[in-house]
Amino acid sequence: MQEDSLAAVDTLTQAYSDEWAGANGAEEAGAFIQFMSSNELIYVVLGVSLIIWLVLLFFLFRVDRKVSKLEDQIQSKQEEA
């Protein structure tokens, strides 16, 4: 039984060894891909997360500004009535 499971693991290792080795054609890729491949992957993750946070903050401030305008309109209509 143990030999069968060892053989299955070895077969998987051989089948996917090319994918685990990394990007083989990085030297043929574009400049952006070469730049990202030359650096550690953590910088890519940090860059993407920074972009996501900036977009979220932009929408948060935009919604806050719109809500403030609506509150001012409601308050001015209540003062008129």
Foldseek 3Di string as FASTA:
>chain_A
DVVVVVVVVVVVCVVCVVVVVDDPCQVVDDPVSVVCVVDDVVVVVVVVVVVVVVVVVVVVVVVVVVVVVVVVVVVVVVVVD
